[in-house]
Amino acid sequence: MMDCVKEGDKVLIIWGSAIAPDRLEKVVNEIQDKVGASGKVCVENVDRLSLSSHSESFFDVITSGIIFPPTILHDTDLLGHCIKLMKPQGTMLLRETTTVREGGMSIRTADKLWSALKICGFTELANPIKIPISDEESVKLHELMDTQEEIVVSEITCKKPNFEVGASSKLSFANTTNSSNSADVAAVWKLDDTVDDDIETIDADDLLDEEDLKKPDPSSLKVCGTTGKRKACKNCSCGLAEELEAEKGLNAAKQESKTSACGNCYLGDAFRCASCPYLGMPAFKPGEKIQLTDRQLKADA
């Protein structure tokens, strides 16, 4: 278990609340002896790890759940915090209680744990190792994890990549690619090469003859192009429709106006002829509109 720890390393031990203090003290002393006076060992409870003041990229090794009972469930938040605290190429050693079969309700399989580490950015993941436990320890784990599923303790060792979280680097071929693309784009849009003495061009004025240059007669524009008659199209926009409507209204007014054979209708009955439509009506001014009353419109009894 301690093969990943060497002299001078800075080690963080993450423990759960269910472990016995004497077991924690024993593991801390063992790791302290291995790192020596030049190394450092820190201990943090998993529930208070996010509140700690440890610097990022500080620890060479982080262990989690290695002290029995392994009740820590390494979720994404915990793994993400651990990878920030580790130095590039730092090592993480963890143990977690896993279920043997897929479909567990409270705990996951070792393969799911391995996938979670991969997704969080850890590299060089070793295959899960089954840690043997006694029957008594198995009963206690079932009680602590509140499960009736068949469980095992899985141990996985992995590393942080050899770069800081959030680091970026410019690709070596970035400049050459951009410059070559710019040159290609410029070449595509350069039109000077298309002008050649061997290419015969056409003058736009030569495409029009004298008939095309003649201005049309305005009156001819107010004729339907399909019938050749003076009739407005359905969507007439030349003004012919309005002109025809006005002419139609004028003709209707002329038809409604009373005509006089003698021209003396307005003078009164003494000057009117026998067929005058205004017989019996008083004299009126020339051009005045005459309104017949209801009594005059009724036939005599």
C-alpha atoms as a PDB file:
ATOM      1  CA  MET A   1       0.000   0.000   0.000  1.00  0.00           C
ATOM      2  CA  MET A   2       2.813   2.404   0.776  1.00  0.00           C
ATOM      3  CA  ASP A   3       4.846   1.656  -2.350  1.00  0.00           C
ATOM      4  CA  CYS A   4       3.776   5.002  -3.851  1.00  0.00           C
ATOM      5  CA  VAL A   5       5.225   6.985  -0.925  1.00  0.00           C
ATOM      6  CA  LYS A   6       8.916   7.886  -0.815  1.00  0.00           C
ATOM      7  CA  GLU A   7      11.192  10.038   1.311  1.00  0.00           C
ATOM      8  CA  GLY A   8      10.580  13.769   1.079  1.00  0.00           C
ATOM      9  CA  ASP A   9       7.009  13.447  -0.200  1.00  0.00           C
ATOM     10  CA  LYS A  10       4.159  15.625   0.997  1.00  0.00           C
ATOM     11  CA  VAL A  11       1.246  13.279   1.737  1.00  0.00           C
ATOM     12  CA  LEU A  12      -2.419  14.014   2.441  1.00  0.00           C
ATOM     13  CA  ILE A  13      -4.498  11.379   4.260  1.00  0.00           C
ATOM     14  CA  ILE A  14      -8.276  11.713   3.823  1.00  0.00           C
ATOM     15  CA  TRP A  15     -10.288   9.740   6.367  1.00  0.00           C
ATOM     16  CA  GLY A  16     -13.962   9.085   7.118  1.00  0.00           C
ATOM     17  CA  SER A  17     -15.714   9.660  10.412  1.00  0.00           C
ATOM     18  CA  ALA A  18     -16.324   5.954  11.126  1.00  0.00           C
ATOM     19  CA  ILE A  19     -12.661   4.927  11.594  1.00  0.00           C
ATOM     20  CA  ALA A  20     -11.081   4.330  14.979  1.00  0.00           C
ATOM     21  CA  PRO A  21      -8.562   6.980  16.146  1.00  0.00           C
ATOM     22  CA  ASP A  22      -5.912   4.373  16.955  1.00  0.00           C
ATOM     23  CA  ARG A  23      -5.984   3.036  13.383  1.00  0.00           C
ATOM     24  CA  LEU A  24      -5.621   6.557  11.976  1.00  0.00           C
ATOM     25  CA  GLU A  25      -2.680   7.267  14.280  1.00  0.00           C
ATOM     26  CA  LYS A  26      -0.966   4.036  13.264  1.00  0.00           C
ATOM     27  CA  VAL A  27      -1.210   4.791   9.516  1.00  0.00           C
ATOM     28  CA  VAL A  28      -0.024   8.382  10.022  1.00  0.00           C
ATOM     29  CA  ASN A  29       3.043   7.188  11.944  1.00  0.00           C
ATOM     30  CA  GLU A  30       3.888   4.629   9.259  1.00  0.00           C
ATOM     31  CA  ILE A  31       3.725   7.198   6.473  1.00  0.00           C
ATOM     32  CA  GLN A  32       5.662   9.766   8.533  1.00  0.00           C
ATOM     33  CA  ASP A  33       8.473   7.271   9.027  1.00  0.00           C
ATOM     34  CA  LYS A  34       8.582   6.667   5.283  1.00  0.00           C
ATOM     35  CA  VAL A  35       8.683  10.327   4.157  1.00  0.00           C
ATOM     36  CA  GLY A  36      11.238  11.236   6.814  1.00  0.00           C
ATOM     37  CA  ALA A  37      12.024  14.631   8.282  1.00  0.00           C
ATOM     38  CA  SER A  38      12.105  16.288   4.835  1.00  0.00           C
ATOM     39  CA  GLY A  39       8.569  15.152   4.077  1.00  0.00           C
ATOM     40  CA  LYS A  40       5.200  16.173   5.468  1.00  0.00           C
ATOM     41  CA  VAL A  41       1.998  14.340   6.381  1.00  0.00           C
ATOM     42  CA  CYS A  42      -1.371  16.129   6.602  1.00  0.00           C
ATOM     43  CA  VAL A  43      -4.657  14.614   7.785  1.00  0.00           C
ATOM     44  CA  GLU A  44      -8.099  15.855   6.747  1.00  0.00           C
ATOM     45  CA  ASN A  45     -11.614  14.593   7.349  1.00  0.00           C
ATOM     46  CA  VAL A  46     -13.489  14.140   4.078  1.00  0.00           C
ATOM     47  CA  ASP A  47     -16.325  16.384   5.273  1.00  0.00           C
ATOM     48  CA  ARG A  48     -13.964  19.305   5.922  1.00  0.00           C
ATOM     49  CA  LEU A  49     -11.599  18.924   2.976  1.00  0.00           C
ATOM     50  CA  SER A  50     -13.252  21.730   0.997  1.00  0.00           C
ATOM     51  CA  LEU A  51     -12.780  24.054   3.992  1.00  0.00           C
ATOM     52  CA  SER A  52      -9.058  23.380   4.330  1.00  0.00           C
ATOM     53  CA  SER A  53      -6.428  25.969   3.382  1.00  0.00           C
ATOM     54  CA  HIS A  54      -4.045  23.689   1.482  1.00  0.00           C
ATOM     55  CA  SER A  55      -2.402  25.210  -1.569  1.00  0.00           C
ATOM     56  CA  GLU A  56      -3.118  23.844  -5.012  1.00  0.00           C
ATOM     57  CA  SER A  57      -0.537  21.473  -6.534  1.00  0.00           C
ATOM     58  CA  PHE A  58       1.034  20.922  -3.114  1.00  0.00           C
ATOM     59  CA  PHE A  59       0.873  17.174  -2.397  1.00  0.00           C
ATOM     60  CA  ASP A  60       2.915  14.436  -4.018  1.00  0.00           C
ATOM     61  CA  VAL A  61       0.567  11.692  -2.758  1.00  0.00           C
ATOM     62  CA  ILE A  62      -3.077  11.713  -1.645  1.00  0.00           C
ATOM     63  CA  THR A  63      -4.617   8.689   0.047  1.00  0.00           C
ATOM     64  CA  SER A  64      -8.355   8.338   0.645  1.00  0.00           C
ATOM     65  CA  GLY A  65     -10.311   5.602   2.376  1.00  0.00           C
ATOM     66  CA  ILE A  66      -7.231   3.433   3.016  1.00  0.00           C
ATOM     67  CA  ILE A  67      -8.050   3.101   6.735  1.00  0.00           C
ATOM     68  CA  PHE A  68     -10.816   0.635   7.595  1.00  0.00           C
ATOM     69  CA  PRO A  69     -13.744   1.024   7.228  1.00  0.00           C
ATOM     70  CA  PRO A  70     -13.684   2.539   3.718  1.00  0.00           C
ATOM     71  CA  THR A  71     -16.972   4.453   3.830  1.00  0.00           C
ATOM     72  CA  ILE A  72     -15.908   7.375   1.599  1.00  0.00           C
ATOM     73  CA  LEU A  73     -17.770   7.605  -1.718  1.00  0.00           C
ATOM     74  CA  HIS A  74     -15.526   9.425  -4.173  1.00  0.00           C
ATOM     75  CA  ASP A  75     -17.928  11.633  -6.088  1.00  0.00           C
ATOM     76  CA  THR A  76     -16.987  14.135  -8.798  1.00  0.00           C
ATOM     77  CA  ASP A  77     -16.612  17.060  -6.383  1.00  0.00           C
ATOM     78  CA  LEU A  78     -14.232  15.160  -4.109  1.00  0.00           C
ATOM     79  CA  LEU A  79     -12.111  13.849  -6.983  1.00  0.00           C
ATOM     80  CA  GLY A  80     -11.997  17.280  -8.606  1.00  0.00           C
ATOM     81  CA  HIS A  81     -10.773  18.853  -5.344  1.00  0.00           C
ATOM     82  CA  CYS A  82      -8.135  16.168  -4.909  1.00  0.00           C
ATOM     83  CA  ILE A  83      -6.710  16.605  -8.399  1.00  0.00           C
ATOM     84  CA  LYS A  84      -6.301  20.338  -7.741  1.00  0.00           C
ATOM     85  CA  LEU A  85      -4.335  19.689  -4.545  1.00  0.00           C
ATOM     86  CA  MET A  86      -1.954  17.233  -6.265  1.00  0.00           C
ATOM     87  CA  LYS A  87       1.254  18.152  -8.028  1.00  0.00           C
ATOM     88  CA  PRO A  88       1.539  17.270 -11.728  1.00  0.00           C
ATOM     89  CA  GLN A  89       2.375  13.549 -11.933  1.00  0.00           C
ATOM     90  CA  GLY A  90       1.257  13.214  -8.325  1.00  0.00           C
ATOM     91  CA  THR A  91      -0.225   9.889  -7.174  1.00  0.00           C
ATOM     92  CA  MET A  92      -3.607   9.141  -5.643  1.00  0.00           C
ATOM     93  CA  LEU A  93      -4.329   5.909  -3.774  1.00  0.00           C
ATOM     94  CA  LEU A  94      -7.951   5.299  -2.818  1.00  0.00           C
ATOM     95  CA  ARG A  95     -10.163   2.535  -1.505  1.00  0.00           C
ATOM     96  CA  GLU A  96     -13.932   2.407  -1.832  1.00  0.00           C
ATOM     97  CA  THR A  97     -16.625  -0.085  -0.954  1.00  0.00           C
ATOM     98  CA  THR A  98     -18.084  -1.309  -4.244  1.00  0.00           C
ATOM     99  CA  THR A  99     -20.784  -3.723  -5.267  1.00  0.00           C
ATOM    100  CA  VAL A 100     -20.086  -6.907  -7.197  1.00  0.00           C
ATOM    101  CA  ARG A 101     -23.006  -6.640  -9.650  1.00  0.00           C
ATOM    102  CA  GLU A 102     -24.360  -3.847 -11.800  1.00  0.00           C
ATOM    103  CA  GLY A 103     -27.564  -2.127 -10.767  1.00  0.00           C
ATOM    104  CA  GLY A 104     -26.672  -1.358  -7.180  1.00  0.00           C
ATOM    105  CA  MET A 105     -28.895   1.282  -5.635  1.00  0.00           C
ATOM    106  CA  SER A 106     -26.536   2.824  -3.047  1.00  0.00           C
ATOM    107  CA  ILE A 107     -23.018   1.920  -4.164  1.00  0.00           C
ATOM    108  CA  ARG A 108     -21.344   1.364  -7.551  1.00  0.00           C
ATOM    109  CA  THR A 109     -19.118  -1.259  -9.095  1.00  0.00           C
ATOM    110  CA  ALA A 110     -15.335  -1.018  -9.297  1.00  0.00           C
ATOM    111  CA  ASP A 111     -15.607  -0.400 -13.048  1.00  0.00           C
ATOM    112  CA  LYS A 112     -17.863   2.602 -12.416  1.00  0.00           C
ATOM    113  CA  LEU A 113     -15.348   3.964  -9.917  1.00  0.00           C
ATOM    114  CA  TRP A 114     -12.548   3.491 -12.467  1.00  0.00           C
ATOM    115  CA  SER A 115     -14.601   5.362 -15.103  1.00  0.00           C
ATOM    116  CA  ALA A 116     -15.286   8.237 -12.678  1.00  0.00           C
ATOM    117  CA  LEU A 117     -11.547   8.673 -12.106  1.00  0.00           C
ATOM    118  CA  LYS A 118     -10.960   8.693 -15.845  1.00  0.00           C
ATOM    119  CA  ILE A 119     -13.645  11.302 -16.429  1.00  0.00           C
ATOM    120  CA  CYS A 120     -12.215  13.572 -13.702  1.00  0.00           C
ATOM    121  CA  GLY A 121      -8.870  13.695 -15.529  1.00  0.00           C
ATOM    122  CA  PHE A 122      -6.741  11.081 -13.774  1.00  0.00           C
ATOM    123  CA  THR A 123      -4.297   9.092 -15.899  1.00  0.00           C
ATOM    124  CA  GLU A 124      -2.238   5.892 -15.594  1.00  0.00           C
ATOM    125  CA  LEU A 125      -5.117   4.191 -13.818  1.00  0.00           C
ATOM    126  CA  ALA A 126      -4.281   0.756 -12.497  1.00  0.00           C
ATOM    127  CA  ASN A 127      -6.866  -2.009 -12.623  1.00  0.00           C
ATOM    128  CA  PRO A 128      -9.003  -2.236  -9.462  1.00  0.00           C
ATOM    129  CA  ILE A 129      -7.561  -4.550  -6.799  1.00  0.00           C
ATOM    130  CA  LYS A 130      -9.856  -6.485  -4.468  1.00  0.00           C
ATOM    131  CA  ILE A 131      -8.799  -5.985  -0.841  1.00  0.00           C
ATOM    132  CA  PRO A 132      -9.649  -9.003   1.321  1.00  0.00           C
ATOM    133  CA  ILE A 133     -11.734  -8.391   4.450  1.00  0.00           C
ATOM    134  CA  SER A 134     -12.934 -10.701   7.199  1.00  0.00           C
ATOM    135  CA  ASP A 135     -16.527 -11.790   7.712  1.00  0.00           C
ATOM    136  CA  GLU A 136     -16.774  -9.531  10.730  1.00  0.00           C
ATOM    137  CA  GLU A 137     -15.534  -6.544   8.726  1.00  0.00           C
ATOM    138  CA  SER A 138     -17.988  -7.417   5.930  1.00  0.00           C
ATOM    139  CA  VAL A 139     -20.923  -7.361   8.365  1.00  0.00           C
ATOM    140  CA  LYS A 140     -19.797  -3.998   9.724  1.00  0.00           C
ATOM    141  CA  LEU A 141     -19.444  -2.550   6.225  1.00  0.00           C
ATOM    142  CA  HIS A 142     -22.957  -3.693   5.319  1.00  0.00           C
ATOM    143  CA  GLU A 143     -24.280  -1.883   8.378  1.00  0.00           C
ATOM    144  CA  LEU A 144     -22.306   1.299   7.758  1.00  0.00           C
ATOM    145  CA  MET A 145     -23.160   1.416   4.028  1.00  0.00           C
ATOM    146  CA  ASP A 146     -26.791   0.451   4.736  1.00  0.00           C
ATOM    147  CA  THR A 147     -26.925  -2.133   1.957  1.00  0.00           C
ATOM    148  CA  GLN A 148     -27.741  -5.825   1.505  1.00  0.00           C
ATOM    149  CA  GLU A 149     -25.815  -6.124  -1.773  1.00  0.00           C
ATOM    150  CA  GLU A 150     -22.720  -8.270  -2.200  1.00  0.00           C
ATOM    151  CA  ILE A 151     -19.804  -5.885  -1.647  1.00  0.00           C
ATOM    152  CA  VAL A 152     -16.011  -5.816  -1.954  1.00  0.00           C
ATOM    153  CA  VAL A 153     -13.338  -3.244  -1.087  1.00  0.00           C
ATOM    154  CA  SER A 154     -11.643  -2.013  -4.289  1.00  0.00           C
ATOM    155  CA  GLU A 155      -8.280  -0.227  -4.394  1.00  0.00           C
ATOM    156  CA  ILE A 156      -7.181   1.919  -7.383  1.00  0.00           C
ATOM    157  CA  THR A 157      -3.942   3.824  -7.944  1.00  0.00           C
ATOM    158  CA  CYS A 158      -3.835   6.684 -10.463  1.00  0.00           C
ATOM    159  CA  LYS A 159      -1.888   9.841 -11.313  1.00  0.00           C
ATOM    160  CA  LYS A 160      -2.523  13.469 -12.132  1.00  0.00           C
ATOM    161  CA  PRO A 161      -1.484  14.475 -15.680  1.00  0.00           C
ATOM    162  CA  ASN A 162       1.824  16.283 -16.133  1.00  0.00           C
ATOM    163  CA  PHE A 163       0.213  19.718 -16.329  1.00  0.00           C
ATOM    164  CA  GLU A 164      -1.756  22.053 -14.110  1.00  0.00           C
ATOM    165  CA  VAL A 165      -5.537  22.096 -14.142  1.00  0.00           C
ATOM    166  CA  GLY A 166      -6.667  24.758 -16.609  1.00  0.00           C
ATOM    167  CA  ALA A 167      -3.253  25.096 -18.259  1.00  0.00           C
ATOM    168  CA  SER A 168      -3.071  25.903 -21.977  1.00  0.00           C
ATOM    169  CA  SER A 169      -0.367  25.701 -24.605  1.00  0.00           C
ATOM    170  CA  LYS A 170      -0.097  27.125 -28.111  1.00  0.00           C
ATOM    171  CA  LEU A 171       0.263  24.494 -30.802  1.00  0.00           C
ATOM    172  CA  SER A 172       3.468  24.668 -32.825  1.00  0.00           C
ATOM    173  CA  PHE A 173       1.691  24.567 -36.169  1.00  0.00           C
ATOM    174  CA  ALA A 174      -0.841  27.294 -35.313  1.00  0.00           C
ATOM    175  CA  ASN A 175       1.041  30.172 -36.976  1.00  0.00           C
ATOM    176  CA  THR A 176       1.919  28.264 -40.135  1.00  0.00           C
ATOM    177  CA  THR A 177      -1.628  27.046 -40.548  1.00  0.00           C
ATOM    178  CA  ASN A 178      -3.128  30.490 -40.146  1.00  0.00           C
ATOM    179  CA  SER A 179      -0.664  32.089 -42.540  1.00  0.00           C
ATOM    180  CA  SER A 180      -1.177  29.420 -45.175  1.00  0.00           C
ATOM    181  CA  ASN A 181      -4.950  29.674 -44.867  1.00  0.00           C
ATOM    182  CA  SER A 182      -4.777  33.465 -45.225  1.00  0.00           C
ATOM    183  CA  ALA A 183      -2.640  33.120 -48.337  1.00  0.00           C
ATOM    184  CA  ASP A 184      -5.063  30.616 -49.834  1.00  0.00           C
ATOM    185  CA  VAL A 185      -8.042  32.860 -49.122  1.00  0.00           C
ATOM    186  CA  ALA A 186      -6.267  35.851 -50.651  1.00  0.00           C
ATOM    187  CA  ALA A 187      -5.439  33.831 -53.739  1.00  0.00           C
ATOM    188  CA  VAL A 188      -9.045  32.739 -54.171  1.00  0.00           C
ATOM    189  CA  TRP A 189     -10.385  36.295 -54.043  1.00  0.00           C
ATOM    190  CA  LYS A 190      -7.678  37.802 -56.251  1.00  0.00           C
ATOM    191  CA  LEU A 191      -9.279  38.616 -59.618  1.00  0.00           C
ATOM    192  CA  ASP A 192      -6.299  40.121 -61.420  1.00  0.00           C
ATOM    193  CA  ASP A 193      -5.224  36.765 -62.775  1.00  0.00           C
ATOM    194  CA  THR A 194      -8.577  36.282 -64.501  1.00  0.00           C
ATOM    195  CA  VAL A 195      -8.033  39.284 -66.813  1.00  0.00           C
ATOM    196  CA  ASP A 196      -6.204  37.901 -69.818  1.00  0.00           C
ATOM    197  CA  ASP A 197      -5.670  39.308 -73.302  1.00  0.00           C
ATOM    198  CA  ASP A 198      -6.811  36.011 -74.775  1.00  0.00           C
ATOM    199  CA  ILE A 199     -10.201  36.234 -73.038  1.00  0.00           C
ATOM    200  CA  GLU A 200     -12.810  38.060 -75.159  1.00  0.00           C
ATOM    201  CA  THR A 201     -15.074  40.303 -73.117  1.00  0.00           C
ATOM    202  CA  ILE A 202     -18.467  41.744 -74.122  1.00  0.00           C
ATOM    203  CA  ASP A 203     -19.384  45.402 -73.853  1.00  0.00           C
ATOM    204  CA  ALA A 204     -22.635  45.769 -71.939  1.00  0.00           C
ATOM    205  CA  ASP A 205     -23.859  48.502 -74.310  1.00  0.00           C
ATOM    206  CA  ASP A 206     -23.663  46.100 -77.238  1.00  0.00           C
ATOM    207  CA  LEU A 207     -26.334  43.934 -75.636  1.00  0.00           C
ATOM    208  CA  LEU A 208     -28.980  46.656 -76.265  1.00  0.00           C
ATOM    209  CA  ASP A 209     -30.291  47.641 -79.729  1.00  0.00           C
ATOM    210  CA  GLU A 210     -32.153  50.787 -80.795  1.00  0.00           C
ATOM    211  CA  GLU A 211     -35.578  49.340 -80.013  1.00  0.00           C
ATOM    212  CA  ASP A 212     -34.501  48.661 -76.427  1.00  0.00           C
ATOM    213  CA  LEU A 213     -33.400  52.275 -75.987  1.00  0.00           C
ATOM    214  CA  LYS A 214     -36.737  53.772 -77.136  1.00  0.00           C
ATOM    215  CA  LYS A 215     -38.942  55.154 -74.374  1.00  0.00           C
ATOM    216  CA  PRO A 216     -42.420  53.596 -74.337  1.00  0.00           C
ATOM    217  CA  ASP A 217     -45.585  55.612 -74.873  1.00  0.00           C
ATOM    218  CA  PRO A 218     -47.134  56.327 -71.421  1.00  0.00           C
ATOM    219  CA  SER A 219     -50.600  55.572 -72.781  1.00  0.00           C
ATOM    220  CA  SER A 220     -49.503  52.149 -73.946  1.00  0.00           C
ATOM    221  CA  LEU A 221     -48.403  51.293 -70.432  1.00  0.00           C
ATOM    222  CA  LYS A 222     -52.013  51.532 -69.280  1.00  0.00           C
ATOM    223  CA  VAL A 223     -53.086  48.568 -71.422  1.00  0.00           C
ATOM    224  CA  CYS A 224     -53.254  45.002 -70.189  1.00  0.00           C
ATOM    225  CA  GLY A 225     -50.372  43.058 -71.689  1.00  0.00           C
ATOM    226  CA  THR A 226     -52.410  39.886 -72.084  1.00  0.00           C
ATOM    227  CA  THR A 227     -55.592  41.205 -73.742  1.00  0.00           C
ATOM    228  CA  GLY A 228     -54.276  44.274 -75.588  1.00  0.00           C
ATOM    229  CA  LYS A 229     -57.404  46.148 -74.447  1.00  0.00           C
ATOM    230  CA  ARG A 230     -57.740  49.141 -72.193  1.00  0.00           C
ATOM    231  CA  LYS A 231     -58.465  47.020 -69.158  1.00  0.00           C
ATOM    232  CA  ALA A 232     -56.776  47.070 -65.769  1.00  0.00           C
ATOM    233  CA  CYS A 233     -54.899  44.014 -64.556  1.00  0.00           C
ATOM    234  CA  LYS A 234     -55.807  42.324 -61.271  1.00  0.00           C
ATOM    235  CA  ASN A 235     -52.880  43.924 -59.424  1.00  0.00           C
ATOM    236  CA  CYS A 236     -52.797  47.147 -61.449  1.00  0.00           C
ATOM    237  CA  SER A 237     -50.124  49.581 -60.278  1.00  0.00           C
ATOM    238  CA  CYS A 238     -49.947  51.978 -63.237  1.00  0.00           C
ATOM    239  CA  GLY A 239     -53.067  53.978 -62.276  1.00  0.00           C
ATOM    240  CA  LEU A 240     -55.320  52.593 -65.016  1.00  0.00           C
ATOM    241  CA  ALA A 241     -57.673  50.971 -62.506  1.00  0.00           C
ATOM    242  CA  GLU A 242     -58.273  54.300 -60.737  1.00  0.00           C
ATOM    243  CA  GLU A 243     -58.726  56.076 -64.066  1.00  0.00           C
ATOM    244  CA  LEU A 244     -61.337  53.576 -65.249  1.00  0.00           C
ATOM    245  CA  GLU A 245     -63.196  53.822 -61.947  1.00  0.00           C
ATOM    246  CA  ALA A 246     -63.334  57.600 -62.260  1.00  0.00           C
ATOM    247  CA  GLU A 247     -64.640  57.368 -65.820  1.00  0.00           C
ATOM    248  CA  LYS A 248     -67.261  54.852 -64.730  1.00  0.00           C
ATOM    249  CA  GLY A 249     -68.477  57.167 -61.983  1.00  0.00           C
ATOM    250  CA  LEU A 250     -68.653  60.112 -64.392  1.00  0.00           C
ATOM    251  CA  ASN A 251     -70.751  58.120 -66.867  1.00  0.00           C
ATOM    252  CA  ALA A 252     -73.104  57.038 -64.113  1.00  0.00           C
ATOM    253  CA  ALA A 253     -73.580  60.638 -63.020  1.00  0.00           C
ATOM    254  CA  LYS A 254     -74.395  61.656 -66.570  1.00  0.00           C
ATOM    255  CA  GLN A 255     -77.003  58.923 -66.870  1.00  0.00           C
ATOM    256  CA  GLU A 256     -78.657  59.913 -63.594  1.00  0.00           C
ATOM    257  CA  SER A 257     -78.822  63.605 -64.493  1.00  0.00           C
ATOM    258  CA  LYS A 258     -82.124  64.819 -65.922  1.00  0.00           C
ATOM    259  CA  THR A 259     -82.103  66.013 -69.489  1.00  0.00           C
ATOM    260  CA  SER A 260     -84.245  68.778 -70.777  1.00  0.00           C
ATOM    261  CA  ALA A 261     -85.496  69.142 -74.364  1.00  0.00           C
ATOM    262  CA  CYS A 262     -86.301  72.839 -74.111  1.00  0.00           C
ATOM    263  CA  GLY A 263     -83.827  73.914 -71.456  1.00  0.00           C
ATOM    264  CA  ASN A 264     -86.528  75.832 -69.497  1.00  0.00           C
ATOM    265  CA  CYS A 265     -87.337  73.249 -66.839  1.00  0.00           C
ATOM    266  CA  TYR A 266     -85.905  75.329 -64.020  1.00  0.00           C
ATOM    267  CA  LEU A 267     -88.167  78.322 -64.826  1.00  0.00           C
ATOM    268  CA  GLY A 268     -91.404  76.685 -63.657  1.00  0.00           C
ATOM    269  CA  ASP A 269     -94.528  75.034 -65.088  1.00  0.00           C
ATOM    270  CA  ALA A 270     -95.367  78.061 -67.269  1.00  0.00           C
ATOM    271  CA  PHE A 271     -92.238  77.469 -69.363  1.00  0.00           C
ATOM    272  CA  ARG A 272     -92.126  73.646 -69.272  1.00  0.00           C
ATOM    273  CA  CYS A 273     -93.261  71.312 -72.052  1.00  0.00           C
ATOM    274  CA  ALA A 274     -95.938  68.661 -71.626  1.00  0.00           C
ATOM    275  CA  SER A 275     -93.388  65.831 -71.150  1.00  0.00           C
ATOM    276  CA  CYS A 276     -91.208  67.701 -68.646  1.00  0.00           C
ATOM    277  CA  PRO A 277     -90.271  65.509 -65.678  1.00  0.00           C
ATOM    278  CA  TYR A 278     -90.384  68.562 -63.385  1.00  0.00           C
ATOM    279  CA  LEU A 279     -94.085  69.397 -63.970  1.00  0.00           C
ATOM    280  CA  GLY A 280     -95.772  70.419 -60.741  1.00  0.00           C
ATOM    281  CA  MET A 281     -92.509  71.338 -59.070  1.00  0.00           C
ATOM    282  CA  PRO A 282     -91.466  74.855 -58.143  1.00  0.00           C
ATOM    283  CA  ALA A 283     -88.824  76.696 -60.104  1.00  0.00           C
ATOM    284  CA  PHE A 284     -85.182  76.065 -59.122  1.00  0.00           C
ATOM    285  CA  LYS A 285     -81.798  77.432 -59.911  1.00  0.00           C
ATOM    286  CA  PRO A 286     -79.875  76.027 -62.872  1.00  0.00           C
ATOM    287  CA  GLY A 287     -77.705  73.049 -61.809  1.00  0.00           C
ATOM    288  CA  GLU A 288     -79.497  72.622 -58.482  1.00  0.00           C
ATOM    289  CA  LYS A 289     -80.197  69.034 -57.476  1.00  0.00           C
ATOM    290  CA  ILE A 290     -83.898  68.355 -57.098  1.00  0.00           C
ATOM    291  CA  GLN A 291     -85.086  65.896 -54.431  1.00  0.00           C
ATOM    292  CA  LEU A 292     -88.576  64.405 -54.829  1.00  0.00           C
ATOM    293  CA  THR A 293     -90.624  63.940 -51.664  1.00  0.00           C
ATOM    294  CA  ASP A 294     -92.350  60.710 -50.672  1.00  0.00           C
ATOM    295  CA  ARG A 295     -95.751  62.292 -51.427  1.00  0.00           C
ATOM    296  CA  GLN A 296     -94.659  63.190 -54.938  1.00  0.00           C
ATOM    297  CA  LEU A 297     -93.344  59.674 -55.559  1.00  0.00           C
ATOM    298  CA  LYS A 298     -96.738  58.115 -54.672  1.00  0.00           C
ATOM    299  CA  ALA A 299     -99.308  57.606 -57.410  1.00  0.00           C
ATOM    300  CA  ASP A 300    -102.508  59.620 -57.253  1.00  0.00           C
ATOM    301  CA  ALA A 301    -105.481  57.730 -55.801  1.00  0.00           C
END
